[in-house]
Amino acid sequence: MNLKNLITENPGINITIQAGELFEFGQQIADQTAKTILARDEVKVYTRDEVIKKFNICAASLWRWEKMGLIKSQKIGGRVYYSESEVKNLMGQKGGLK
């Protein structure tokens, strides 16, 4: 039985849980939330890693570009995403990379 089912079936239960299991449960909730929001908006988004690969840069460069206002991110479920329009806009600014 997974944690979600246990909580759903026994809402008043007191449980002891290992930190790793709690973290995994939190990640599942974050992933579910992100998927729900993205499906509702039907907007193509890129993860931080996808943007880094697309522009062939390091994480520090992407962070710097955000601080300079070249690209905006949005946090969904504790994760960072970049809309397709932001990525295309940056591609235009950076001379059509990849």
C-alpha atoms as a PDB file:
ATOM      1  CA  MET A   1       0.000   0.000   0.000  1.00  0.00           C
ATOM      2  CA  ASN A   2       1.414   3.389  -0.891  1.00  0.00           C
ATOM      3  CA  LEU A   3       1.311   6.413   1.398  1.00  0.00           C
ATOM      4  CA  LYS A   4      -1.403   8.192  -0.576  1.00  0.00           C
ATOM      5  CA  ASN A   5      -3.787   5.249  -0.278  1.00  0.00           C
ATOM      6  CA  LEU A   6      -3.007   4.836   3.419  1.00  0.00           C
ATOM      7  CA  ILE A   7      -3.814   8.491   4.106  1.00  0.00           C
ATOM      8  CA  THR A   8      -6.933   8.448   1.932  1.00  0.00           C
ATOM      9  CA  GLU A   9      -8.331   5.312   3.553  1.00  0.00           C
ATOM     10  CA  ASN A  10      -7.388   6.342   7.119  1.00  0.00           C
ATOM     11  CA  PRO A  11      -7.463  10.159   7.332  1.00  0.00           C
ATOM     12  CA  GLY A  12      -7.109  10.228  11.146  1.00  0.00           C
ATOM     13  CA  ILE A  13      -4.195   7.805  11.356  1.00  0.00           C
ATOM     14  CA  ASN A  14      -0.914   8.714  13.035  1.00  0.00           C
ATOM     15  CA  ILE A  15       2.074   7.328  11.187  1.00  0.00           C
ATOM     16  CA  THR A  16       5.828   7.282  11.502  1.00  0.00           C
ATOM     17  CA  ILE A  17       7.587   7.809   8.196  1.00  0.00           C
ATOM     18  CA  GLN A  18      11.201   7.893   7.118  1.00  0.00           C
ATOM     19  CA  ALA A  19      12.459  11.181   5.729  1.00  0.00           C
ATOM     20  CA  GLY A  20      13.174   9.621   2.332  1.00  0.00           C
ATOM     21  CA  GLU A  21       9.626   8.347   2.026  1.00  0.00           C
ATOM     22  CA  LEU A  22       8.251  11.741   2.987  1.00  0.00           C
ATOM     23  CA  PHE A  23      10.470  13.407   0.392  1.00  0.00           C
ATOM     24  CA  GLU A  24       9.308  10.940  -2.274  1.00  0.00           C
ATOM     25  CA  PHE A  25       5.668  11.603  -1.365  1.00  0.00           C
ATOM     26  CA  GLY A  26       6.283  15.349  -1.643  1.00  0.00           C
ATOM     27  CA  GLN A  27       7.900  14.883  -5.060  1.00  0.00           C
ATOM     28  CA  GLN A  28       4.889  12.873  -6.241  1.00  0.00           C
ATOM     29  CA  ILE A  29       2.556  15.655  -5.137  1.00  0.00           C
ATOM     30  CA  ALA A  30       4.735  18.277  -6.848  1.00  0.00           C
ATOM     31  CA  ASP A  31       4.861  16.259 -10.077  1.00  0.00           C
ATOM     32  CA  GLN A  32       1.100  15.743 -10.042  1.00  0.00           C
ATOM     33  CA  THR A  33       0.499  19.445  -9.435  1.00  0.00           C
ATOM     34  CA  ALA A  34       2.856  20.486 -12.227  1.00  0.00           C
ATOM     35  CA  LYS A  35       1.260  18.061 -14.691  1.00  0.00           C
ATOM     36  CA  THR A  36      -2.219  19.287 -13.805  1.00  0.00           C
ATOM     37  CA  ILE A  37      -1.287  22.940 -14.253  1.00  0.00           C
ATOM     38  CA  LEU A  38       0.590  22.321 -17.486  1.00  0.00           C
ATOM     39  CA  ALA A  39      -2.208  20.208 -18.945  1.00  0.00           C
ATOM     40  CA  ARG A  40      -4.752  22.899 -18.072  1.00  0.00           C
ATOM     41  CA  ASP A  41      -2.755  25.686 -19.698  1.00  0.00           C
ATOM     42  CA  GLU A  42      -1.665  23.565 -22.679  1.00  0.00           C
ATOM     43  CA  VAL A  43       1.571  25.548 -22.887  1.00  0.00           C
ATOM     44  CA  LYS A  44       4.785  23.846 -23.943  1.00  0.00           C
ATOM     45  CA  VAL A  45       7.364  24.289 -21.216  1.00  0.00           C
ATOM     46  CA  TYR A  46      10.996  23.351 -20.815  1.00  0.00           C
ATOM     47  CA  THR A  47      12.807  22.239 -17.701  1.00  0.00           C
ATOM     48  CA  ARG A  48      15.986  23.941 -16.535  1.00  0.00           C
ATOM     49  CA  ASP A  49      18.059  21.058 -17.926  1.00  0.00           C
ATOM     50  CA  GLU A  50      16.327  21.244 -21.314  1.00  0.00           C
ATOM     51  CA  VAL A  51      17.071  24.966 -21.615  1.00  0.00           C
ATOM     52  CA  ILE A  52      20.697  24.429 -20.577  1.00  0.00           C
ATOM     53  CA  LYS A  53      21.095  21.753 -23.272  1.00  0.00           C
ATOM     54  CA  LYS A  54      19.243  23.794 -25.903  1.00  0.00           C
ATOM     55  CA  PHE A  55      21.611  26.746 -25.470  1.00  0.00           C
ATOM     56  CA  ASN A  56      24.681  24.633 -24.629  1.00  0.00           C
ATOM     57  CA  ILE A  57      25.345  26.638 -21.457  1.00  0.00           C
ATOM     58  CA  CYS A  58      25.979  25.883 -17.800  1.00  0.00           C
ATOM     59  CA  ALA A  59      23.473  26.340 -14.974  1.00  0.00           C
ATOM     60  CA  ALA A  60      25.277  29.490 -13.814  1.00  0.00           C
ATOM     61  CA  SER A  61      24.784  31.110 -17.226  1.00  0.00           C
ATOM     62  CA  LEU A  62      21.072  30.355 -17.176  1.00  0.00           C
ATOM     63  CA  TRP A  63      20.824  31.790 -13.651  1.00  0.00           C
ATOM     64  CA  ARG A  64      22.668  34.915 -14.819  1.00  0.00           C
ATOM     65  CA  TRP A  65      20.365  35.291 -17.849  1.00  0.00           C
ATOM     66  CA  GLU A  66      17.372  35.122 -15.505  1.00  0.00           C
ATOM     67  CA  LYS A  67      18.872  37.785 -13.226  1.00  0.00           C
ATOM     68  CA  MET A  68      19.533  39.977 -16.276  1.00  0.00           C
ATOM     69  CA  GLY A  69      15.888  39.584 -17.320  1.00  0.00           C
ATOM     70  CA  LEU A  70      16.677  37.771 -20.567  1.00  0.00           C
ATOM     71  CA  ILE A  71      14.414  34.834 -19.711  1.00  0.00           C
ATOM     72  CA  LYS A  72      11.698  34.377 -17.113  1.00  0.00           C
ATOM     73  CA  SER A  73      10.965  31.158 -15.289  1.00  0.00           C
ATOM     74  CA  GLN A  74       7.943  29.977 -13.414  1.00  0.00           C
ATOM     75  CA  LYS A  75       7.858  27.624 -10.467  1.00  0.00           C
ATOM     76  CA  ILE A  76       5.268  24.902 -10.544  1.00  0.00           C
ATOM     77  CA  GLY A  77       5.203  22.376  -7.757  1.00  0.00           C
ATOM     78  CA  GLY A  78       8.609  23.488  -6.543  1.00  0.00           C
ATOM     79  CA  ARG A  79      10.225  22.956  -9.937  1.00  0.00           C
ATOM     80  CA  VAL A  80      11.412  25.560 -12.403  1.00  0.00           C
ATOM     81  CA  TYR A  81       9.999  25.706 -15.924  1.00  0.00           C
ATOM     82  CA  TYR A  82      10.449  28.023 -18.906  1.00  0.00           C
ATOM     83  CA  SER A  83       7.637  28.639 -21.370  1.00  0.00           C
ATOM     84  CA  GLU A  84       8.191  27.976 -25.044  1.00  0.00           C
ATOM     85  CA  SER A  85       7.603  31.656 -25.789  1.00  0.00           C
ATOM     86  CA  GLU A  86      10.372  32.673 -23.345  1.00  0.00           C
ATOM     87  CA  VAL A  87      12.779  30.185 -24.925  1.00  0.00           C
ATOM     88  CA  LYS A  88      11.931  31.349 -28.464  1.00  0.00           C
ATOM     89  CA  ASN A  89      12.319  34.975 -27.415  1.00  0.00           C
ATOM     90  CA  LEU A  90      15.751  34.235 -25.958  1.00  0.00           C
ATOM     91  CA  MET A  91      16.727  32.321 -29.093  1.00  0.00           C
ATOM     92  CA  GLY A  92      15.954  35.448 -31.104  1.00  0.00           C
ATOM     93  CA  GLN A  93      18.050  37.578 -28.766  1.00  0.00           C
ATOM     94  CA  LYS A  94      20.951  35.142 -28.856  1.00  0.00           C
ATOM     95  CA  GLY A  95      20.976  34.833 -32.638  1.00  0.00           C
ATOM     96  CA  GLY A  96      18.867  31.714 -33.189  1.00  0.00           C
ATOM     97  CA  LEU A  97      20.960  29.163 -31.338  1.00  0.00           C
ATOM     98  CA  LYS A  98      20.020  25.545 -32.057  1.00  0.00           C
END
